[in-house]
Amino acid sequence: MKLKQKKLLRGFSQDQLRGYRLGRRAKTLLLASRPERFSAFLSGNTDTNHIKSEVERRQRLHRIAAATVLAMNAGAKIFPDEKPDVFHLPDSTGLPPDAAASFDTPAFYSSREIKAMGVNAIRIRGSRMAGILLTHSAAYLMYQGGVHLPELDHKAEQRTMAWMRLLLSGSSFSGRYTSSSLHAILTCDGMQVLTEILLNAHTSRRAFFLLEDNHSHFYFLTNDRHGDILLRLLEDANKRAAFEQRLFAEQWRPSRGLPVEHDAIDAKGRPVLFACLPDIPRLARFLSGLALHGMEGCVVCFDFQAQALRACCKENVFLLAICFEQFEKEWLQ
């Protein structure tokens, strides 16, 4: 690698964890060229400016970095100089005059930035939240997993959720968000984690925080190009609404008479759930409801999601897979 040859980047391996570190020369160059952008990361008493020996702390920084990259690839602002510094503002001041407009472009704040609020941030202690994505009309707590489901402390996550709802509905955000505007996203390396969650929904290994109604929506995305594109769809409420209307065009409207939560009815009278943006608790309720009432149903998803969903669906569930590449060309150009 050219960066390593120029001694700007150094390889590092410890405790069977490999990674890269910025060299002193690279830090100096970044601070000299854009101090307003990089000083928060590379100067003073910051986590990213220290050598990490503890495995847990290094893994946490990796989770934060992965969530940050996903948000950046989806078009969100990630650097301090391009987004409002809302987590340093006292509750009584409200947003700066230009801050409300800036949220028309999504902005991502890592958990480290949220903790800059000081003593109040002790309420998120123990949470696995990697950060929060703020969009024009909604906010998303982001949880980062790998090939396995992350271990979530139920009480710590509920405490974090309650505090963030209170914070976002306060005067610092000028009434932009309500308590129902806060949702959550879990991102993992592949769809197999979603299969694991749904298969264990009624066992002792149940993921309680994910499956209970803690958030009105708890979405599942993958740490790859698919996740980048679907996060863009979550960020753009208008484009997402148009896509859902397109799905409705091929289905009948939902029926109040059915005992199962659903989005539409197909030509055979079966309840249909739109799962292109997999909503973990809602998907679990749909599958459980079909089994409980002995009904057939249909799940609409993308083709890259179909195999993982088939693994946790019984024979009474039919999958309708949409070509993801065609969706990307048509809706996100």
Protein backbone atom coordinates (compact mmCIF):
# COMPACT_ATOMS: atom_id res chain seq x y z
CA MET A 1 0.00 0.00 0.00
CA LYS A 2 1.21 3.48 -0.93
CA LEU A 3 0.22 4.91 2.45
CA LYS A 4 2.36 2.32 4.23
CA GLN A 5 5.27 2.90 1.87
CA LYS A 6 5.12 6.60 2.66
CA LYS A 7 4.96 5.73 6.39
CA LEU A 8 1.60 7.43 6.77
CA LEU A 9 -0.11 4.22 7.86
CA ARG A 10 1.22 1.44 10.10
CA GLY A 11 -0.04 -2.11 10.46
CA PHE A 12 -0.89 -3.38 13.94
CA SER A 13 -1.77 -6.80 15.31
CA GLN A 14 -2.50 -7.83 18.89
CA ASP A 15 -4.79 -10.37 20.55
CA GLN A 16 -5.60 -11.80 17.10
CA LEU A 17 -7.02 -8.43 16.03
CA ARG A 18 -5.43 -6.76 13.02
CA GLY A 19 -5.75 -3.15 11.99
CA TYR A 20 -4.02 0.03 10.88
CA ARG A 21 -2.89 3.16 12.69
CA LEU A 22 -2.09 6.61 11.46
CA GLY A 23 1.58 7.47 11.81
CA ARG A 24 2.77 10.69 13.43
CA ARG A 25 3.53 12.17 10.02
CA ALA A 26 0.00 11.46 8.78
CA LYS A 27 -1.54 13.08 11.86
CA THR A 28 0.63 16.15 11.39
CA LEU A 29 -0.39 16.48 7.74
CA LEU A 30 -4.10 16.15 8.49
CA LEU A 31 -3.99 18.64 11.36
CA ALA A 32 -2.02 21.12 9.26
CA SER A 33 -4.34 20.89 6.24
CA ARG A 34 -7.77 20.77 7.94
CA PRO A 35 -7.51 21.49 11.68
CA GLU A 36 -11.24 22.31 11.93
CA ARG A 37 -12.07 18.84 10.60
CA PHE A 38 -9.52 16.56 12.25
CA SER A 39 -8.49 18.18 15.55
CA ALA A 40 -11.42 16.58 17.37
CA PHE A 41 -10.10 13.15 16.36
CA LEU A 42 -6.34 13.58 16.48
CA SER A 43 -5.44 16.05 19.23
CA GLY A 44 -5.82 16.24 22.96
CA ASN A 45 -7.24 13.55 25.24
CA THR A 46 -9.35 11.68 22.68
CA ASP A 47 -9.84 7.95 22.30
CA THR A 48 -8.69 7.96 18.69
CA ASN A 49 -5.47 9.72 19.65
CA HIS A 50 -4.37 7.01 22.09
CA ILE A 51 -2.93 3.55 21.59
CA LYS A 52 -5.50 0.99 22.65
CA SER A 53 -4.37 -2.15 24.45
CA GLU A 54 -7.74 -3.36 25.78
CA VAL A 55 -9.55 -5.62 23.33
CA GLU A 56 -12.99 -4.32 24.30
CA ARG A 57 -12.06 -0.67 23.70
CA ARG A 58 -10.51 -1.47 20.33
CA GLN A 59 -13.57 -3.45 19.30
CA ARG A 60 -15.82 -0.56 20.33
CA LEU A 61 -13.82 1.89 18.23
CA HIS A 62 -14.12 -0.54 15.33
CA ARG A 63 -17.92 -0.66 15.72
CA ILE A 64 -18.10 3.15 15.78
CA ALA A 65 -15.87 3.35 12.70
CA ALA A 66 -18.01 0.82 10.80
CA ALA A 67 -21.22 2.74 11.60
CA THR A 68 -19.54 6.01 10.57
CA VAL A 69 -18.43 4.58 7.22
CA LEU A 70 -21.92 3.21 6.54
CA ALA A 71 -23.46 6.61 7.27
CA MET A 72 -20.86 8.39 5.12
CA ASN A 73 -21.46 6.02 2.19
CA ALA A 74 -25.17 6.78 2.51
CA GLY A 75 -24.50 10.51 2.10
CA ALA A 76 -24.62 11.62 5.73
CA LYS A 77 -22.32 14.33 7.06
CA ILE A 78 -19.79 12.92 9.53
CA PHE A 79 -17.18 15.64 10.15
CA PRO A 80 -17.53 18.30 12.87
CA ASP A 81 -17.03 21.21 10.45
CA GLU A 82 -19.96 20.21 8.20
CA LYS A 83 -22.75 19.57 10.72
CA PRO A 84 -24.26 21.51 13.66
CA ASP A 85 -22.65 20.90 17.04
CA VAL A 86 -25.97 19.98 18.66
CA PHE A 87 -24.57 17.79 21.42
CA HIS A 88 -22.60 20.64 22.94
CA LEU A 89 -25.55 23.02 23.13
CA PRO A 90 -27.35 23.52 26.48
CA ASP A 91 -31.04 22.63 26.33
CA SER A 92 -32.10 26.26 26.74
CA THR A 93 -30.42 27.69 23.63
CA GLY A 94 -32.06 25.78 20.80
CA LEU A 95 -30.47 25.11 17.43
CA PRO A 96 -28.47 27.84 15.66
CA PRO A 97 -30.49 29.60 12.91
CA ASP A 98 -28.87 27.60 10.10
CA ALA A 99 -28.87 24.24 11.90
CA ALA A 100 -32.46 23.30 11.10
CA ALA A 101 -31.83 23.65 7.40
CA SER A 102 -28.63 21.62 7.62
CA PHE A 103 -30.59 18.55 8.75
CA ASP A 104 -32.13 18.38 5.31
CA THR A 105 -28.84 16.60 4.66
CA PRO A 106 -28.52 13.72 7.17
CA ALA A 107 -25.81 13.96 9.82
CA PHE A 108 -24.22 11.17 11.85
CA TYR A 109 -22.96 11.65 15.42
CA SER A 110 -20.91 8.90 17.04
CA SER A 111 -21.47 7.89 20.65
CA ARG A 112 -18.19 9.65 21.47
CA GLU A 113 -19.64 12.94 20.21
CA ILE A 114 -22.80 12.43 22.25
CA LYS A 115 -20.71 11.80 25.35
CA ALA A 116 -19.22 15.29 24.88
CA MET A 117 -22.36 16.53 26.68
CA GLY A 118 -20.55 15.62 29.88
CA VAL A 119 -22.23 14.35 33.02
CA ASN A 120 -25.63 13.94 31.30
CA ALA A 121 -24.11 11.39 28.93
CA ILE A 122 -23.59 8.96 31.82
CA ARG A 123 -27.12 7.82 31.02
CA ILE A 124 -25.84 5.98 27.93
CA ARG A 125 -23.18 4.15 29.90
CA GLY A 126 -23.17 0.45 29.05
CA SER A 127 -25.06 0.96 25.77
CA ARG A 128 -23.80 -0.66 22.56
CA MET A 129 -25.12 2.26 20.52
CA ALA A 130 -22.46 3.32 18.01
CA GLY A 131 -24.09 6.66 17.26
CA ILE A 132 -27.19 8.43 16.01
CA LEU A 133 -28.22 9.42 12.50
CA LEU A 134 -30.31 12.60 12.32
CA THR A 135 -32.41 13.20 9.20
CA HIS A 136 -34.97 15.83 8.28
CA SER A 137 -37.86 14.08 10.02
CA ALA A 138 -36.49 11.12 12.01
CA ALA A 139 -33.58 9.98 14.12
CA TYR A 140 -31.99 6.52 14.14
CA LEU A 141 -29.93 4.99 16.92
CA MET A 142 -27.34 2.82 15.17
CA TYR A 143 -26.12 -0.49 16.58
CA GLN A 144 -23.21 -2.21 14.89
CA GLY A 145 -22.78 -5.98 14.88
CA GLY A 146 -20.52 -8.37 13.01
CA VAL A 147 -21.13 -11.94 11.98
CA HIS A 148 -22.97 -12.48 15.28
CA LEU A 149 -25.68 -10.61 17.14
CA PRO A 150 -24.13 -8.10 19.57
CA GLU A 151 -24.84 -8.60 23.25
CA LEU A 152 -27.20 -5.84 24.34
CA ASP A 153 -27.84 -4.96 27.97
CA HIS A 154 -31.62 -4.58 28.08
CA LYS A 155 -31.68 -1.99 30.89
CA ALA A 156 -28.79 0.03 29.47
CA GLU A 157 -30.41 0.21 26.04
CA GLN A 158 -33.81 1.17 27.46
CA ARG A 159 -32.16 3.90 29.54
CA THR A 160 -30.34 5.19 26.45
CA MET A 161 -33.52 5.11 24.38
CA ALA A 162 -35.51 7.05 27.01
CA TRP A 163 -32.82 9.70 27.41
CA MET A 164 -32.39 10.19 23.67
CA ARG A 165 -36.14 10.62 23.24
CA LEU A 166 -36.16 13.26 25.96
CA LEU A 167 -33.13 14.98 24.46
CA LEU A 168 -34.44 15.05 20.89
CA SER A 169 -37.83 16.43 21.92
CA GLY A 170 -36.17 19.24 23.92
CA SER A 171 -35.56 22.84 22.93
CA SER A 172 -32.05 22.13 21.64
CA PHE A 173 -33.68 20.56 18.58
CA SER A 174 -36.36 23.24 18.20
CA GLY A 175 -39.20 20.73 18.29
CA ARG A 176 -37.98 19.06 15.11
CA TYR A 177 -38.42 15.55 16.56
CA THR A 178 -41.14 13.93 18.65
CA SER A 179 -40.90 10.90 20.92
CA SER A 180 -42.17 8.75 18.04
CA SER A 181 -39.49 10.05 15.66
CA LEU A 182 -36.76 7.94 17.24
CA HIS A 183 -36.08 4.58 15.59
CA ALA A 184 -33.15 2.17 15.57
CA ILE A 185 -30.97 0.31 13.08
CA LEU A 186 -28.92 -2.85 13.56
CA THR A 187 -26.23 -3.48 10.94
CA CYS A 188 -24.37 -6.78 10.65
CA ASP A 189 -22.01 -8.60 8.29
CA GLY A 190 -24.59 -10.49 6.25
CA MET A 191 -28.23 -11.48 6.51
CA GLN A 192 -27.62 -14.61 8.60
CA VAL A 193 -27.92 -12.60 11.84
CA LEU A 194 -31.52 -11.68 10.97
CA THR A 195 -32.25 -15.37 10.42
CA GLU A 196 -30.79 -16.12 13.85
CA ILE A 197 -32.92 -13.43 15.51
CA LEU A 198 -36.17 -14.66 13.95
CA LEU A 199 -35.49 -18.36 14.54
CA ASN A 200 -34.82 -17.68 18.23
CA ALA A 201 -37.81 -15.36 18.68
CA HIS A 202 -39.63 -17.90 20.87
CA THR A 203 -36.69 -19.54 22.63
CA SER A 204 -34.55 -18.78 25.66
CA ARG A 205 -32.09 -17.07 23.28
CA ARG A 206 -34.68 -14.47 22.33
CA ALA A 207 -33.24 -11.00 21.60
CA PHE A 208 -35.60 -9.16 23.94
CA PHE A 209 -34.56 -5.58 23.21
CA LEU A 210 -34.80 -6.09 19.45
CA LEU A 211 -38.14 -7.91 19.44
CA GLU A 212 -40.06 -5.90 22.02
CA ASP A 213 -41.75 -2.61 21.14
CA ASN A 214 -38.96 -0.43 22.50
CA HIS A 215 -38.72 1.39 19.16
CA SER A 216 -41.58 1.87 16.73
CA HIS A 217 -39.18 0.58 14.07
CA PHE A 218 -35.96 -1.42 14.47
CA TYR A 219 -34.46 -1.97 11.02
CA PHE A 220 -31.89 -4.53 9.95
CA LEU A 221 -29.22 -3.58 7.37
CA THR A 222 -26.02 -5.20 6.16
CA ASN A 223 -22.51 -3.75 6.28
CA ASP A 224 -22.06 -3.61 2.51
CA ARG A 225 -23.31 -1.83 -0.61
CA HIS A 226 -26.85 -3.11 0.02
CA GLY A 227 -26.83 -1.48 3.44
CA ASP A 228 -25.49 1.80 2.03
CA ILE A 229 -28.29 1.99 -0.53
CA LEU A 230 -31.08 1.02 1.87
CA LEU A 231 -29.86 3.56 4.41
CA ARG A 232 -30.22 6.21 1.70
CA LEU A 233 -33.83 5.08 1.31
CA LEU A 234 -34.42 5.45 5.07
CA GLU A 235 -32.91 8.94 4.99
CA ASP A 236 -35.19 10.16 2.18
CA ALA A 237 -38.78 10.01 3.42
CA ASN A 238 -40.25 11.19 0.11
CA LYS A 239 -38.42 8.61 -1.97
CA ARG A 240 -39.29 5.88 0.48
CA ALA A 241 -42.99 6.82 0.38
CA ALA A 242 -42.92 6.74 -3.43
CA PHE A 243 -41.32 3.30 -3.39
CA GLU A 244 -43.97 1.98 -0.99
CA GLN A 245 -46.71 3.38 -3.22
CA ARG A 246 -45.18 1.46 -6.10
CA LEU A 247 -45.40 -1.73 -4.04
CA PHE A 248 -49.06 -0.99 -3.25
CA ALA A 249 -49.79 -0.68 -6.96
CA GLU A 250 -49.42 -4.44 -7.34
CA GLN A 251 -51.39 -5.36 -4.19
CA TRP A 252 -54.76 -4.72 -2.58
CA ARG A 253 -55.00 -2.34 0.34
CA PRO A 254 -54.86 -3.87 3.86
CA SER A 255 -57.97 -5.27 5.52
CA ARG A 256 -59.04 -4.43 9.07
CA GLY A 257 -60.72 -7.81 9.33
CA LEU A 258 -57.48 -9.81 9.30
CA PRO A 259 -56.01 -10.72 12.71
CA VAL A 260 -52.41 -10.33 11.44
CA GLU A 261 -50.49 -7.06 11.13
CA HIS A 262 -49.85 -6.49 7.41
CA ASP A 263 -49.30 -3.89 4.69
CA ALA A 264 -51.46 -5.20 1.84
CA ILE A 265 -53.53 -8.09 0.49
CA ASP A 266 -52.48 -10.09 -2.56
CA ALA A 267 -54.74 -11.45 -5.34
CA LYS A 268 -55.35 -14.63 -3.34
CA GLY A 269 -56.50 -12.75 -0.25
CA ARG A 270 -53.28 -13.44 1.70
CA PRO A 271 -51.78 -10.77 3.99
CA VAL A 272 -48.60 -9.21 2.61
CA LEU A 273 -45.72 -7.64 4.54
CA PHE A 274 -43.24 -5.30 2.88
CA ALA A 275 -39.80 -6.32 4.21
CA CYS A 276 -37.43 -4.68 1.75
CA LEU A 277 -36.38 -2.61 4.76
CA PRO A 278 -36.57 -5.44 7.32
CA ASP A 279 -38.24 -4.18 10.49
CA ILE A 280 -37.18 -6.82 13.04
CA PRO A 281 -40.09 -6.76 15.55
CA ARG A 282 -42.71 -6.25 12.84
CA LEU A 283 -41.39 -9.14 10.77
CA ALA A 284 -41.37 -11.37 13.85
CA ARG A 285 -44.96 -10.42 14.69
CA PHE A 286 -46.09 -11.16 11.12
CA LEU A 287 -44.55 -14.63 11.07
CA SER A 288 -45.87 -15.44 14.55
CA GLY A 289 -49.34 -14.20 13.67
CA LEU A 290 -49.54 -16.37 10.56
CA ALA A 291 -48.50 -19.44 12.56
CA LEU A 292 -50.89 -18.67 15.40
CA HIS A 293 -53.93 -18.29 13.14
CA GLY A 294 -52.96 -21.00 10.67
CA MET A 295 -52.85 -18.56 7.77
CA GLU A 296 -50.78 -18.19 4.63
CA GLY A 297 -48.97 -14.96 3.93
CA CYS A 298 -46.49 -13.27 1.63
CA VAL A 299 -43.28 -11.37 2.38
CA VAL A 300 -41.96 -8.88 -0.19
CA CYS A 301 -38.18 -8.51 -0.04
CA PHE A 302 -35.11 -7.95 -2.22
CA ASP A 303 -33.41 -10.87 -3.91
CA PHE A 304 -30.29 -10.67 -1.72
CA GLN A 305 -32.52 -11.04 1.38
CA ALA A 306 -34.61 -13.96 0.15
CA GLN A 307 -32.35 -16.84 1.19
CA ALA A 308 -31.99 -15.61 4.77
CA LEU A 309 -35.73 -15.00 5.13
CA ARG A 310 -36.60 -18.37 3.59
CA ALA A 311 -34.52 -20.06 6.29
CA CYS A 312 -36.78 -18.71 9.03
CA CYS A 313 -40.14 -18.94 7.22
CA LYS A 314 -42.38 -21.99 7.23
CA GLU A 315 -44.23 -23.42 4.25
CA ASN A 316 -47.19 -21.10 4.85
CA VAL A 317 -45.05 -18.06 3.94
CA PHE A 318 -44.39 -17.14 0.31
CA LEU A 319 -41.57 -14.83 -0.72
CA LEU A 320 -41.78 -12.28 -3.50
CA ALA A 321 -38.24 -11.16 -4.34
CA ILE A 322 -37.50 -7.85 -6.08
CA CYS A 323 -34.33 -7.39 -8.14
CA PHE A 324 -32.10 -5.10 -6.09
CA GLU A 325 -30.02 -3.92 -9.05
CA GLN A 326 -33.16 -2.84 -10.90
CA PHE A 327 -34.40 -1.02 -7.79
CA GLU A 328 -31.08 0.79 -7.45
CA LYS A 329 -31.12 1.94 -11.09
CA GLU A 330 -34.72 3.11 -10.99
CA TRP A 331 -35.01 4.73 -7.57
CA LEU A 332 -31.61 5.93 -6.42
CA GLN A 333 -30.01 7.61 -9.40
